[in-house]
Protein backbone atom coordinates (compact mmCIF):
# COMPACT_ATOMS: atom_id res chain seq x y z
CA MET A 1 -111.01 204.29 58.09
CA ILE A 2 -109.40 201.01 57.08
CA PHE A 3 -112.70 199.11 56.78
CA ASP A 4 -114.42 201.50 54.37
CA ARG A 5 -113.41 199.95 51.04
CA VAL A 6 -115.93 197.27 50.08
CA LYS A 7 -115.95 196.23 46.44
CA PRO A 8 -119.44 196.56 44.91
CA LEU A 9 -120.92 193.10 44.49
CA ASP A 10 -122.63 194.17 41.25
CA ALA A 11 -119.23 194.96 39.75
CA ILE A 12 -117.84 191.57 40.77
CA LEU A 13 -120.85 189.73 39.36
CA ALA A 14 -120.73 191.75 36.14
CA THR A 15 -117.25 190.38 35.53
CA ALA A 16 -118.49 186.85 36.15
CA GLU A 17 -121.36 187.26 33.67
CA LYS A 18 -118.93 187.30 30.74
CA LYS A 19 -119.20 183.51 30.65
CA ALA A 20 -122.41 181.53 30.77
CA LEU A 21 -122.28 178.41 32.92
CA HIS A 22 -124.44 175.46 31.93
CA ARG A 23 -126.00 173.43 34.73
CA THR A 24 -124.90 169.89 33.94
CA LEU A 25 -123.69 168.37 37.24
CA GLY A 26 -125.83 166.14 39.41
CA GLY A 27 -125.32 165.30 43.06
CA PHE A 28 -123.50 162.01 42.39
CA GLN A 29 -121.20 163.63 39.81
CA LEU A 30 -120.41 166.42 42.23
CA MET A 31 -119.66 163.89 44.96
CA LEU A 32 -117.23 161.99 42.70
CA PHE A 33 -115.59 165.29 41.76
CA GLY A 34 -115.18 166.09 45.45
CA ILE A 35 -113.66 162.70 46.25
CA GLY A 36 -111.12 163.22 43.47
CA CYS A 37 -110.22 166.68 44.80
CA ILE A 38 -109.92 165.63 48.44
CA ILE A 39 -108.12 162.27 48.40
CA GLY A 40 -104.47 162.94 47.80
CA THR A 41 -101.53 164.24 49.70
CA GLY A 42 -102.70 164.15 53.29
CA ILE A 43 -103.56 160.48 53.56
CA PHE A 44 -100.39 159.38 51.73
CA VAL A 45 -98.08 161.72 53.61
CA LEU A 46 -99.42 162.66 57.04
CA THR A 47 -100.47 159.30 58.49
CA ALA A 48 -97.15 158.94 60.34
CA ALA A 49 -97.16 162.50 61.71
CA GLY A 50 -100.78 162.12 62.85
CA ALA A 51 -100.03 158.83 64.60
CA GLN A 52 -97.09 160.40 66.46
CA LYS A 53 -99.43 163.11 67.77
CA ALA A 54 -102.44 160.95 68.66
CA GLY A 55 -101.59 157.25 68.34
CA PRO A 56 -104.71 155.21 67.50
CA GLY A 57 -106.67 158.39 68.28
CA LEU A 58 -105.74 159.37 64.71
CA MET A 59 -109.08 157.78 63.79
CA LEU A 60 -110.91 160.29 66.01
CA ALA A 61 -108.75 163.08 64.56
CA PHE A 62 -110.00 162.32 61.05
CA ALA A 63 -113.60 162.52 62.30
CA ILE A 64 -113.00 165.88 64.03
CA ALA A 65 -111.31 167.42 60.97
CA GLY A 66 -114.05 166.08 58.69
CA ALA A 67 -116.80 167.58 60.86
CA VAL A 68 -115.20 171.05 60.72
CA CYS A 69 -114.85 170.71 56.95
CA ILE A 70 -118.54 169.83 56.50
CA VAL A 71 -119.82 173.02 58.14
CA ALA A 72 -117.15 175.09 56.36
CA ALA A 73 -118.17 173.50 53.05
CA LEU A 74 -121.77 174.66 53.44
CA CYS A 75 -120.58 178.25 53.98
CA TYR A 76 -118.36 177.98 50.91
CA ALA A 77 -121.25 176.61 48.84
CA GLU A 78 -123.56 179.53 49.59
CA VAL A 79 -121.00 182.26 49.01
CA ALA A 80 -119.55 180.58 45.91
CA SER A 81 -123.01 180.20 44.37
CA MET A 82 -123.59 183.90 45.04
CA ILE A 83 -120.16 185.14 43.87
CA PRO A 84 -118.98 182.61 41.25
CA VAL A 85 -115.71 184.33 40.34
CA ALA A 86 -111.98 183.76 40.68
CA GLY A 87 -110.19 184.59 43.90
CA SER A 88 -112.05 182.27 46.27
CA ALA A 89 -112.08 183.48 49.89
CA TYR A 90 -110.18 186.64 48.93
CA THR A 91 -112.90 187.81 46.54
CA TYR A 92 -115.71 186.79 48.92
CA SER A 93 -114.12 188.89 51.66
CA TYR A 94 -113.63 191.87 49.32
CA ALA A 95 -117.38 191.89 48.57
CA SER A 96 -118.47 191.53 52.19
CA VAL A 97 -116.03 192.84 54.80
CA GLY A 98 -113.88 195.06 52.59
CA GLU A 99 -110.42 195.48 51.16
CA PHE A 100 -108.38 195.43 54.37
CA LEU A 101 -109.65 192.05 55.59
CA ALA A 102 -109.67 190.75 52.01
CA TRP A 103 -105.98 191.59 51.83
CA THR A 104 -105.31 189.58 55.00
CA VAL A 105 -107.18 186.62 53.48
CA GLY A 106 -105.29 186.85 50.19
CA TRP A 107 -102.01 187.11 52.08
CA ALA A 108 -102.94 184.00 54.12
CA LEU A 109 -103.84 182.10 50.92
CA ILE A 110 -100.38 182.89 49.55
CA LEU A 111 -98.96 181.21 52.67
CA GLU A 112 -101.38 178.29 52.35
CA TYR A 113 -100.70 177.38 48.73
CA ALA A 114 -96.92 177.86 48.76
CA VAL A 115 -96.36 175.95 51.99
CA ALA A 116 -98.83 173.22 51.00
CA ALA A 117 -96.94 172.71 47.74
CA SER A 118 -93.73 172.35 49.78
CA ALA A 119 -95.41 169.75 52.01
CA VAL A 120 -96.56 167.72 49.01
CA SER A 121 -93.06 167.89 47.53
CA VAL A 122 -91.60 166.46 50.75
CA GLY A 123 -94.24 163.72 50.74
CA TRP A 124 -93.44 162.84 47.13
CA SER A 125 -89.75 162.67 48.04
CA GLY A 126 -90.43 159.97 50.64
CA TYR A 127 -92.18 157.72 48.12
CA PHE A 128 -89.57 158.43 45.44
CA SER A 129 -86.65 157.59 47.74
CA GLY A 130 -88.32 154.60 49.40
CA THR A 131 -90.15 152.97 46.49
CA ILE A 132 -88.52 154.04 43.23
CA LEU A 133 -84.89 154.33 44.31
CA ASN A 134 -84.64 151.83 47.15
CA GLU A 135 -87.12 149.09 46.27
CA PHE A 136 -86.83 149.10 42.48
CA LEU A 137 -83.34 150.43 41.73
CA GLY A 138 -81.54 149.36 44.88
CA ILE A 139 -80.20 152.89 45.39
CA THR A 140 -80.06 154.50 48.81
CA LEU A 141 -79.54 158.24 48.90
CA PRO A 142 -77.01 159.49 51.47
CA PRO A 143 -78.93 160.72 54.55
CA TRP A 144 -77.72 164.28 54.04
CA LEU A 145 -79.33 164.36 50.57
CA ALA A 146 -82.55 162.52 51.47
CA ALA A 147 -83.91 164.76 54.22
CA GLY A 148 -83.85 168.28 55.54
CA PRO A 149 -82.28 169.00 58.93
CA LEU A 150 -85.50 168.17 60.80
CA ALA A 151 -87.27 165.78 58.42
CA LEU A 152 -89.57 163.19 59.97
CA GLY A 153 -87.78 159.89 60.29
CA GLY A 154 -84.62 161.15 58.62
CA ALA A 155 -81.29 160.46 60.21
CA PRO A 156 -79.96 163.29 62.36
CA GLY A 157 -77.60 165.44 60.38
CA GLY A 158 -79.63 165.51 57.16
CA PHE A 159 -78.83 168.64 55.19
CA ILE A 160 -81.17 168.94 52.20
CA ASN A 161 -84.10 167.04 50.74
CA LEU A 162 -82.79 166.91 47.20
CA PRO A 163 -85.70 164.96 45.58
CA ALA A 164 -88.23 167.42 47.06
CA LEU A 165 -86.21 170.36 45.75
CA VAL A 166 -85.95 168.81 42.28
CA ILE A 167 -89.67 167.94 41.92
CA ALA A 168 -90.72 171.43 43.04
CA MET A 169 -88.42 173.07 40.50
CA LEU A 170 -89.46 170.64 37.75
CA VAL A 171 -93.16 171.38 38.27
CA THR A 172 -92.39 175.11 38.33
CA TRP A 173 -90.56 174.78 35.01
CA LEU A 174 -93.51 172.93 33.48
CA LEU A 175 -95.89 175.68 34.60
CA MET A 176 -93.59 178.38 33.25
CA ILE A 177 -93.38 176.88 29.76
CA GLY A 178 -97.13 176.36 29.63
CA THR A 179 -97.59 172.63 30.12
CA SER A 180 -101.06 171.97 31.56
CA GLU A 181 -102.78 168.96 32.98
CA SER A 182 -105.14 166.83 30.95
CA ALA A 183 -108.54 166.13 32.47
CA LYS A 184 -108.27 162.53 31.28
CA VAL A 185 -104.88 162.09 32.96
CA ASN A 186 -106.30 163.54 36.16
CA ALA A 187 -109.22 161.12 36.04
CA VAL A 188 -106.80 158.21 35.65
CA LEU A 189 -104.73 159.46 38.61
CA VAL A 190 -107.86 159.71 40.77
CA LEU A 191 -108.76 156.13 39.84
CA ILE A 192 -105.22 155.00 40.73
CA LYS A 193 -105.37 156.73 44.12
CA VAL A 194 -108.77 155.34 45.09
CA THR A 195 -107.89 151.83 43.88
CA ALA A 196 -104.59 151.85 45.81
CA LEU A 197 -106.21 152.99 49.05
CA THR A 198 -109.07 150.49 48.66
CA ALA A 199 -106.52 147.68 48.24
CA PHE A 200 -104.70 148.95 51.35
CA ILE A 201 -107.90 148.86 53.43
CA VAL A 202 -108.87 145.35 52.28
CA LEU A 203 -105.40 143.88 52.79
CA THR A 204 -104.79 145.39 56.21
CA LEU A 205 -108.23 144.86 57.75
CA THR A 206 -108.27 141.20 56.65
CA SER A 207 -104.63 140.54 57.50
CA ALA A 208 -103.64 137.87 60.02
CA ASP A 209 -101.39 140.54 61.57
CA PHE A 210 -104.40 142.71 62.50
CA ASP A 211 -104.72 142.82 66.29
CA MET A 212 -107.19 144.94 68.29
CA ALA A 213 -104.67 145.06 71.15
CA ARG A 214 -102.65 147.56 69.12
CA PHE A 215 -105.40 150.15 69.66
CA ASN A 216 -104.77 150.18 73.41
CA PRO A 217 -104.23 152.82 74.71
CA PHE A 218 -106.49 154.53 72.19
CA LEU A 219 -105.59 158.07 73.26
CA PRO A 220 -102.02 157.92 74.64
CA ALA A 221 -101.69 161.71 74.48
CA GLY A 222 -105.32 162.40 75.42
CA VAL A 223 -107.99 164.22 73.44
CA PHE A 224 -106.47 167.65 74.07
CA GLY A 225 -102.71 167.93 74.16
CA GLY A 226 -102.81 171.46 75.54
CA PHE A 227 -102.52 174.89 73.90
CA GLY A 228 -99.64 175.08 71.45
CA SER A 229 -98.58 171.45 71.89
CA GLY A 230 -100.13 170.13 68.67
CA LEU A 231 -100.62 166.79 70.47
CA GLY A 232 -103.63 164.63 71.25
CA ALA A 233 -106.53 163.77 68.95
CA VAL A 234 -107.41 167.43 68.42
CA GLY A 235 -103.79 168.38 67.73
CA ALA A 236 -103.61 165.57 65.17
CA ALA A 237 -106.91 166.80 63.68
CA ALA A 238 -105.37 170.24 63.22
CA THR A 239 -102.51 168.65 61.27
CA ILE A 240 -104.39 166.09 59.18
CA PHE A 241 -106.96 168.78 58.32
CA PHE A 242 -104.52 169.07 55.38
CA ALA A 243 -105.94 165.76 54.11
CA TYR A 244 -109.29 167.43 53.40
CA VAL A 245 -108.08 170.53 51.60
CA GLY A 246 -109.58 170.60 48.13
CA PHE A 247 -113.27 170.34 48.96
CA ASP A 248 -113.68 174.09 48.31
CA ALA A 249 -113.27 173.27 44.61
CA VAL A 250 -116.63 171.49 44.87
CA SER A 251 -118.33 174.60 46.24
CA THR A 252 -117.17 176.67 43.27
CA ALA A 253 -119.12 174.32 40.95
CA ALA A 254 -122.47 175.46 42.39
CA GLU A 255 -123.26 177.56 39.32
CA GLU A 256 -122.84 174.49 37.09
CA THR A 257 -124.98 172.18 39.20
CA LYS A 258 -128.53 171.12 38.42
CA ASN A 259 -130.92 171.80 41.32
CA PRO A 260 -128.08 173.21 43.49
CA GLN A 261 -130.21 173.49 46.61
CA ARG A 262 -130.41 169.68 46.66
CA ASN A 263 -127.28 168.56 44.82
CA VAL A 264 -124.63 170.88 46.30
CA PRO A 265 -125.05 169.55 49.86
CA ILE A 266 -125.17 165.99 48.46
CA GLY A 267 -121.88 166.59 46.64
CA LEU A 268 -120.15 168.37 49.49
CA ILE A 269 -121.33 166.37 52.48
CA GLY A 270 -121.31 163.10 50.54
CA SER A 271 -117.71 163.49 49.40
CA LEU A 272 -116.53 164.62 52.83
CA LEU A 273 -118.32 161.76 54.62
CA PHE A 274 -116.96 159.23 52.13
CA CYS A 275 -113.42 160.52 52.56
CA THR A 276 -113.75 160.65 56.35
CA VAL A 277 -114.84 157.01 56.53
CA PHE A 278 -112.15 156.08 53.99
CA TYR A 279 -109.47 157.83 56.04
CA ILE A 280 -110.61 156.24 59.30
CA LEU A 281 -110.45 152.78 57.69
CA VAL A 282 -106.94 153.49 56.36
CA ALA A 283 -105.83 154.58 59.83
CA ALA A 284 -107.45 151.51 61.39
CA GLY A 285 -105.71 149.21 58.92
CA ALA A 286 -102.30 150.78 59.47
CA ILE A 287 -102.52 150.83 63.27
CA GLY A 288 -104.17 147.41 63.62
CA THR A 289 -101.46 145.65 61.61
CA ILE A 290 -98.16 147.20 62.73
CA GLY A 291 -99.23 149.50 65.57
CA GLY A 292 -99.32 153.26 65.74
CA GLN A 293 -98.37 154.18 69.27
CA PRO A 294 -96.29 157.38 69.46
CA ILE A 295 -92.69 157.36 70.65
CA MET A 296 -92.80 158.93 74.09
CA GLY A 297 -90.39 161.47 75.49
CA PRO A 298 -89.82 162.64 79.05
CA GLY A 299 -92.92 162.73 81.23
CA GLY A 300 -94.87 160.39 78.94
CA ILE A 301 -95.36 163.11 76.32
CA PRO A 302 -94.85 162.18 72.65
CA PHE A 303 -91.83 163.67 70.92
CA PRO A 304 -93.03 166.39 68.50
CA ALA A 305 -93.61 165.08 64.97
CA GLY A 306 -90.77 166.18 62.73
CA SER A 307 -88.47 167.04 65.63
CA GLU A 308 -84.79 166.21 65.87
CA GLU A 309 -85.46 164.23 69.05
CA LEU A 310 -87.92 161.99 67.19
CA ALA A 311 -85.48 161.58 64.30
CA ARG A 312 -82.82 160.34 66.74
CA GLN A 313 -85.24 157.80 68.21
CA CYS A 314 -86.31 156.63 64.74
CA ALA A 315 -82.66 155.99 63.85
CA LEU A 316 -82.48 153.36 66.63
CA PRO A 317 -82.98 149.69 65.61
CA ALA A 318 -85.89 149.33 68.05
CA TYR A 319 -88.03 151.72 66.02
CA SER A 320 -86.86 150.84 62.51
CA GLY A 321 -90.26 149.41 61.54
CA ALA A 322 -92.45 151.88 63.44
CA LEU A 323 -95.32 153.55 61.57
CA VAL A 324 -94.50 156.95 63.09
CA CYS A 325 -90.96 156.81 61.68
CA SER A 326 -91.88 156.13 58.06
CA ASP A 327 -91.95 158.85 55.42
CA GLU A 328 -93.94 156.57 53.07
CA ALA A 329 -96.28 155.21 55.71
CA LEU A 330 -98.85 153.26 53.72
CA ALA A 331 -96.38 151.48 51.45
CA HIS A 332 -94.29 150.75 54.56
CA VAL A 333 -97.25 149.09 56.31
CA LEU A 334 -97.90 146.74 53.39
CA ARG A 335 -94.24 145.74 53.20
CA GLN A 336 -94.21 145.02 56.93
CA ILE A 337 -97.14 142.57 56.65
CA GLY A 338 -95.78 140.70 53.63
CA PHE A 339 -97.32 142.55 50.69
CA SER A 340 -94.14 144.17 49.39
CA GLY A 341 -95.25 144.09 45.76
CA ILE A 342 -98.57 145.79 46.46
CA GLY A 343 -96.84 148.20 48.84
CA ASN A 344 -94.50 149.16 46.02
CA MET A 345 -97.48 149.63 43.70
CA LEU A 346 -99.05 151.95 46.27
CA GLY A 347 -95.75 153.83 46.43
CA ILE A 348 -95.82 154.16 42.65
CA ALA A 349 -99.42 155.47 42.84
CA ALA A 350 -98.28 158.21 45.23
CA PHE A 351 -95.19 158.85 43.10
CA LEU A 352 -97.39 159.39 40.03
CA ALA A 353 -100.25 161.30 41.64
CA LEU A 354 -98.53 163.77 43.94
CA PRO A 355 -96.75 165.91 41.29
CA SER A 356 -100.15 166.84 39.84
CA VAL A 357 -101.13 168.12 43.30
CA ILE A 358 -97.97 170.24 43.45
CA LEU A 359 -98.82 171.65 40.04
CA VAL A 360 -102.38 172.57 41.05
CA LEU A 361 -101.20 174.25 44.27
CA ILE A 362 -98.54 176.37 42.56
CA PHE A 363 -101.04 177.18 39.79
CA ALA A 364 -103.60 178.29 42.41
CA GLN A 365 -100.95 180.42 44.09
CA THR A 366 -100.25 182.31 40.87
CA ARG A 367 -104.00 182.89 40.33
CA ILE A 368 -104.36 184.48 43.76
CA PHE A 369 -101.41 186.72 42.84
CA PHE A 370 -103.17 187.54 39.58
CA VAL A 371 -106.44 188.61 41.20
CA MET A 372 -104.66 190.69 43.83
CA SER A 373 -102.47 192.25 41.15
CA ARG A 374 -105.53 193.04 39.03
CA ASP A 375 -107.01 194.84 42.03
CA GLY A 376 -103.83 196.91 42.34
CA LEU A 377 -102.80 195.39 45.67
CA LEU A 378 -99.64 193.78 44.26
CA PRO A 379 -97.29 195.09 41.55
CA GLU A 380 -98.59 194.48 38.05
CA ARG A 381 -95.14 193.37 36.85
CA LEU A 382 -95.42 190.27 39.07
CA SER A 383 -98.05 188.99 36.66
CA ARG A 384 -96.12 189.84 33.52
CA VAL A 385 -96.78 187.29 30.77
CA HIS A 386 -93.87 185.71 28.90
CA PRO A 387 -93.98 186.67 25.19
CA LYS A 388 -93.29 183.11 24.02
CA TRP A 389 -94.72 180.85 26.73
CA LYS A 390 -97.78 183.06 27.42
CA THR A 391 -97.56 182.29 31.14
CA PRO A 392 -96.98 184.51 34.22
CA HIS A 393 -93.36 183.42 34.37
CA VAL A 394 -92.15 185.94 36.95
CA VAL A 395 -94.64 185.10 39.69
CA THR A 396 -94.44 181.39 38.85
CA MET A 397 -90.65 181.40 39.19
CA ILE A 398 -90.77 183.31 42.49
CA THR A 399 -93.42 180.96 43.87
CA GLY A 400 -91.51 177.88 42.70
CA LEU A 401 -88.30 179.01 44.38
CA ILE A 402 -90.08 179.58 47.68
CA VAL A 403 -91.80 176.19 47.43
CA ALA A 404 -88.50 174.46 46.59
CA LEU A 405 -86.63 176.05 49.50
CA GLY A 406 -89.38 175.08 51.97
CA ALA A 407 -89.41 171.51 50.65
CA ALA A 408 -85.63 171.22 50.78
CA PHE A 409 -85.16 172.13 54.42
CA MET A 410 -88.39 171.59 56.40
CA PRO A 411 -90.34 168.50 57.60
CA VAL A 412 -93.67 167.59 56.10
CA GLY A 413 -95.63 167.73 59.37
CA LEU A 414 -94.51 171.24 60.19
CA LEU A 415 -95.15 172.44 56.63
CA ALA A 416 -98.69 171.01 56.78
CA ASP A 417 -99.31 172.82 60.07
CA TYR A 418 -98.15 176.13 58.55
CA ALA A 419 -100.40 175.61 55.51
CA ASN A 420 -103.34 174.71 57.76
CA ALA A 421 -102.97 177.96 59.69
CA GLY A 422 -103.56 179.94 56.49
CA THR A 423 -106.35 177.62 55.35
CA LEU A 424 -108.22 177.80 58.65
CA TYR A 425 -108.11 181.60 58.55
CA ALA A 426 -109.51 181.61 55.01
CA PHE A 427 -112.33 179.23 56.01
CA PHE A 428 -113.01 181.39 59.08
CA MET A 429 -113.42 184.47 56.87
CA VAL A 430 -115.71 182.67 54.39
CA ALA A 431 -118.07 181.88 57.28
CA VAL A 432 -117.93 185.55 58.32
CA ALA A 433 -118.63 186.60 54.71
CA ALA A 434 -121.68 184.29 54.58
CA MET A 435 -123.15 185.94 57.68
CA VAL A 436 -122.31 189.50 56.60
CA LEU A 437 -123.90 189.01 53.17
CA ARG A 438 -127.05 187.57 54.74
CA VAL A 439 -127.40 190.86 56.63
CA LYS A 440 -126.18 193.30 53.93
CA ASP A 441 -127.74 191.64 50.89
CA PRO A 442 -130.42 189.20 52.08
CA HIS A 443 -132.44 189.21 48.84
CA ARG A 444 -129.56 188.57 46.44
CA HIS A 445 -130.03 185.38 44.40
CA ARG A 446 -128.21 182.38 45.83
CA SER A 447 -128.20 179.17 43.81
CA PHE A 448 -127.59 177.37 47.08
CA ARG A 449 -129.01 178.85 50.27
CA MET A 450 -127.48 177.34 53.37
CA PRO A 451 -130.00 176.03 55.94
CA MET A 452 -129.67 177.27 59.53
CA VAL A 453 -127.03 179.85 58.58
CA TRP A 454 -126.92 181.31 62.11
CA VAL A 455 -126.02 177.89 63.46
CA VAL A 456 -123.77 176.52 60.71
CA ALA A 457 -121.67 179.67 60.12
CA PRO A 458 -120.88 180.26 63.83
CA LEU A 459 -120.01 176.54 64.13
CA THR A 460 -117.56 177.01 61.25
CA VAL A 461 -116.00 180.03 62.95
CA ALA A 462 -115.71 178.15 66.25
CA GLY A 463 -114.40 174.97 64.59
CA CYS A 464 -111.69 176.77 62.64
CA LEU A 465 -110.59 178.73 65.72
CA PHE A 466 -110.63 175.51 67.77
CA LEU A 467 -108.34 173.65 65.35
CA TYR A 468 -106.07 176.68 64.90
CA LEU A 469 -105.49 176.93 68.67
CA ASN A 470 -104.58 173.22 68.72
CA LEU A 471 -101.80 173.55 66.17
CA PRO A 472 -98.22 173.49 67.50
CA LEU A 473 -97.25 176.83 68.99
CA ILE A 474 -94.80 177.64 66.20
CA ALA A 475 -97.57 177.13 63.61
CA ILE A 476 -99.95 179.30 65.66
CA LEU A 477 -97.34 182.07 65.65
CA VAL A 478 -96.55 181.78 61.93
CA LEU A 479 -99.91 183.24 60.90
CA PRO A 480 -99.72 186.49 62.94
CA VAL A 481 -96.04 186.96 62.01
CA TRP A 482 -96.84 186.44 58.34
CA GLY A 483 -99.87 188.70 58.77
CA ALA A 484 -97.71 191.44 60.32
CA ILE A 485 -95.42 191.33 57.26
CA GLY A 486 -98.57 191.58 55.13
CA LEU A 487 -99.75 194.67 56.98
CA VAL A 488 -96.41 196.39 56.28
CA VAL A 489 -96.83 195.60 52.58
CA TYR A 490 -100.49 196.72 52.58
CA PHE A 491 -99.99 200.09 54.27
CA GLY A 492 -96.59 200.68 52.68
CA TYR A 493 -97.59 199.82 49.11
CA SER A 494 -100.99 198.27 48.40
CA ARG A 495 -103.48 200.66 50.00
CA SER A 496 -102.28 203.68 48.05
CA ARG A 497 -102.27 201.79 44.73
CA SER A 498 -105.55 199.89 45.11
CA GLN A 499 -107.87 200.20 42.12
CA LEU A 500 -110.85 200.52 44.46
CA GLY A 501 -109.08 203.14 46.57
CA ARG A 502 -108.42 205.17 43.40
CA GLY A 503 -112.08 204.93 42.47
CA VAL A 504 -111.86 202.32 39.72
CA VAL A 505 -113.68 198.99 39.52
CA GLU A 506 -113.75 196.35 36.84
CA VAL A 507 -117.14 195.84 35.16
CA VAL A 508 -118.51 194.56 31.87
CA ASP A 509 -119.77 196.81 29.10
CA GLU A 510 -123.49 196.01 28.88
CA ILE A 511 -123.51 196.45 25.10
CA GLY A 512 -120.24 195.02 23.90
CA GLY A 513 -119.62 192.58 26.73
CA GLU A 514 -115.99 193.73 26.96
CA GLU A 515 -114.08 194.51 30.12
CA LYS A 516 -113.33 198.12 30.88
CA MET A 517 -112.25 200.13 33.86
CA VAL A 518 -115.02 202.40 35.10
CA PRO A 519 -114.44 205.16 37.65
CA ILE A 520 -116.60 205.32 40.76
CA ASP A 521 -116.64 207.73 43.65
CA PRO A 522 -113.64 206.77 45.77
CA PRO A 523 -114.26 206.11 49.47
CA THR A 524 -112.97 208.60 51.97
CA GLY A 525 -109.78 207.87 53.88
């Protein structure tokens, strides 16, 4: 049977016990940590794509995506506090529903991290080209070097997004030679991001250009755009869900949180609510000052975000200042209402902050590879460590090349949709893991025990499925196609080489505290 290999939870926890975690974080600290993790790429990059899908209904889209994230966060918090080890949703699935479904989750996470890093690279390119090159240096890149063939707002005929390609390869090189982020630098970048967005909200909402008439019609494409259309408020929610990715990092801090039963939900829900309100205010400021109505195609249906048809419309003089046509939306809004200097500063904030996000995403990708390789599901040579740099150079280089190619030729909105498909599946499986472990192991210690699990977890499952089915059809299809490739790899290579399938699990020597491989009775089949 393919569902018979479930990794013993005791073995997973034994590995985690090698390091003692001190409980030092309070609810407010956890909330600030969450805000720093969440605010980033999505709000800087996807505002234009979201507006093209929903118009002013982008504000409702942020609320819908935030609500799904809140229930998913509670599931993450319980399982992470119970299984505080590397591997995230992949490891949780391995301990609850078994190796086969864990493989599908790990395979989806590979899609999520790589494609998300490509999306951030494209977003960074927009701010680099618009703010650094154009505004400060007076340089305009030729259209064929500034955008991929279907890049949002790029002139038709674009060939390659050269800045996105370069930043992806540069970050990959830094990871390969061992350069790591400084916590102090990260803290400064978070402060820059929050300050820039706060200034944007104040300037736009108090601007003389702000006009409530620009919010009418509020839902030009309706609430539901229809299956596979990716339009309407829900379709936009499925795309800008990308703006919330990162909150799962908060859930993994449950083991280091004082009074987790109280402080974990404060940190998770507090940070998500803060960011949701923040995002809605940013959307309101952008739309109220320069408008955010989508560019309509035949039959009164918005052109798809990132499509060639939209790019042709955006190249027309009539739409030169439109929010939906900008690839540096927030800086563009401030320039349009007379705050060019502050708009440029916001562009610089994005220019400085986004490469660190690319780095974290590629780093996370290599760690998922590591855990799967350690379990025997991927070739061990993929995680080979460079003798001089002491980094997994092979898998980092492969990941970086994939990220760079995606960034060079694809639009940011479509990349975000692809990444969201993998993310939503991972969140779906974490909710399933929470329910399965409540049944299989109800008495296991949980630092945070989710209230109303049989309400919250099914809501998470339904919410993730709901958003997934409201992605554009091509993004809906990407996940099963990618999954089918994964099944070929699993049954052709991974299943026969799995450590668990060969009867070996990783535990900790109770006396010496050192890792060793201990044989167990292998499952049948």
